[in-house]
Amino acid sequence: MVYLAGKSEVSPRKRSLWIAEDLRRRIAEGELVRKVPSERELAERYEVNFKTAAKAIGMLVDEGLLY
């Protein structure tokens, strides 16, 4: 699990931005090469709801990092 400091005070938008940034880093470092975790897996890992995880994935799709 990954914990967001003061998570209860962080808006869902900021949580999705944080998740997207962490995924970008993991992709750049080669940790995520062929497949990223599903929205459900991300939601569990970052302890957020499914929609927040899906929004983070959507950001990376919009940037062309994922398809």
Protein backbone atom coordinates (compact mmCIF):
# COMPACT_ATOMS: atom_id res chain seq x y z
CA MET A 1 0.00 0.00 0.00
CA VAL A 2 0.98 3.56 -0.64
CA TYR A 3 -0.16 6.14 1.85
CA LEU A 4 -0.96 9.74 1.06
CA ALA A 5 0.02 11.98 3.94
CA GLY A 6 -3.05 13.74 5.32
CA LYS A 7 -5.14 11.93 2.72
CA SER A 8 -8.45 12.86 4.31
CA GLU A 9 -7.61 16.50 3.62
CA VAL A 10 -6.59 15.94 -0.01
CA SER A 11 -9.23 16.46 -2.70
CA PRO A 12 -9.96 13.60 -5.13
CA ARG A 13 -8.54 15.77 -7.96
CA LYS A 14 -5.21 16.14 -6.16
CA ARG A 15 -5.19 12.44 -5.32
CA SER A 16 -5.61 11.54 -9.00
CA LEU A 17 -2.81 13.96 -9.92
CA TRP A 18 -0.56 12.36 -7.30
CA ILE A 19 -1.36 8.85 -8.55
CA ALA A 20 -0.72 9.89 -12.16
CA GLU A 21 2.64 11.41 -11.19
CA ASP A 22 3.62 8.25 -9.33
CA LEU A 23 2.67 6.11 -12.34
CA ARG A 24 4.67 8.41 -14.66
CA ARG A 25 7.70 7.94 -12.43
CA ARG A 26 7.25 4.18 -12.30
CA ILE A 27 6.92 4.05 -16.11
CA ALA A 28 10.02 6.24 -16.60
CA GLU A 29 12.04 4.06 -14.20
CA GLY A 30 10.99 0.90 -16.06
CA GLU A 31 9.02 -0.52 -13.16
CA LEU A 32 5.87 -0.58 -15.29
CA VAL A 33 6.88 -1.75 -18.74
CA ARG A 34 4.15 -3.76 -20.37
CA LYS A 35 1.13 -3.34 -18.16
CA VAL A 36 -0.06 -0.95 -15.50
CA PRO A 37 -2.32 -2.12 -12.68
CA SER A 38 -6.07 -1.98 -13.26
CA GLU A 39 -8.17 0.83 -11.84
CA ARG A 40 -9.35 -1.53 -9.11
CA GLU A 41 -5.78 -2.51 -8.21
CA LEU A 42 -4.72 1.15 -8.15
CA ALA A 43 -7.69 2.04 -5.97
CA GLU A 44 -6.62 -0.61 -3.46
CA ARG A 45 -2.92 0.33 -3.63
CA TYR A 46 -3.51 4.05 -3.08
CA GLU A 47 -6.60 3.61 -0.91
CA VAL A 48 -8.84 5.76 -3.10
CA ASN A 49 -12.11 5.08 -4.83
CA PHE A 50 -12.31 3.53 -8.29
CA LYS A 51 -13.23 6.82 -10.00
CA THR A 52 -10.14 8.58 -8.63
CA ALA A 53 -7.90 5.78 -9.91
CA ALA A 54 -9.67 5.80 -13.28
CA LYS A 55 -9.14 9.55 -13.55
CA ALA A 56 -5.38 9.10 -13.01
CA ILE A 57 -5.29 6.47 -15.78
CA GLY A 58 -7.29 8.80 -18.03
CA MET A 59 -4.71 11.54 -17.54
CA LEU A 60 -1.94 9.24 -18.74
CA VAL A 61 -4.04 8.14 -21.72
CA ASP A 62 -4.62 11.80 -22.63
CA GLU A 63 -0.86 12.39 -22.43
CA GLY A 64 -0.20 9.44 -24.72
CA LEU A 65 1.71 7.43 -22.08
CA LEU A 66 -0.96 4.74 -22.00
CA TYR A 67 -3.50 3.51 -24.52
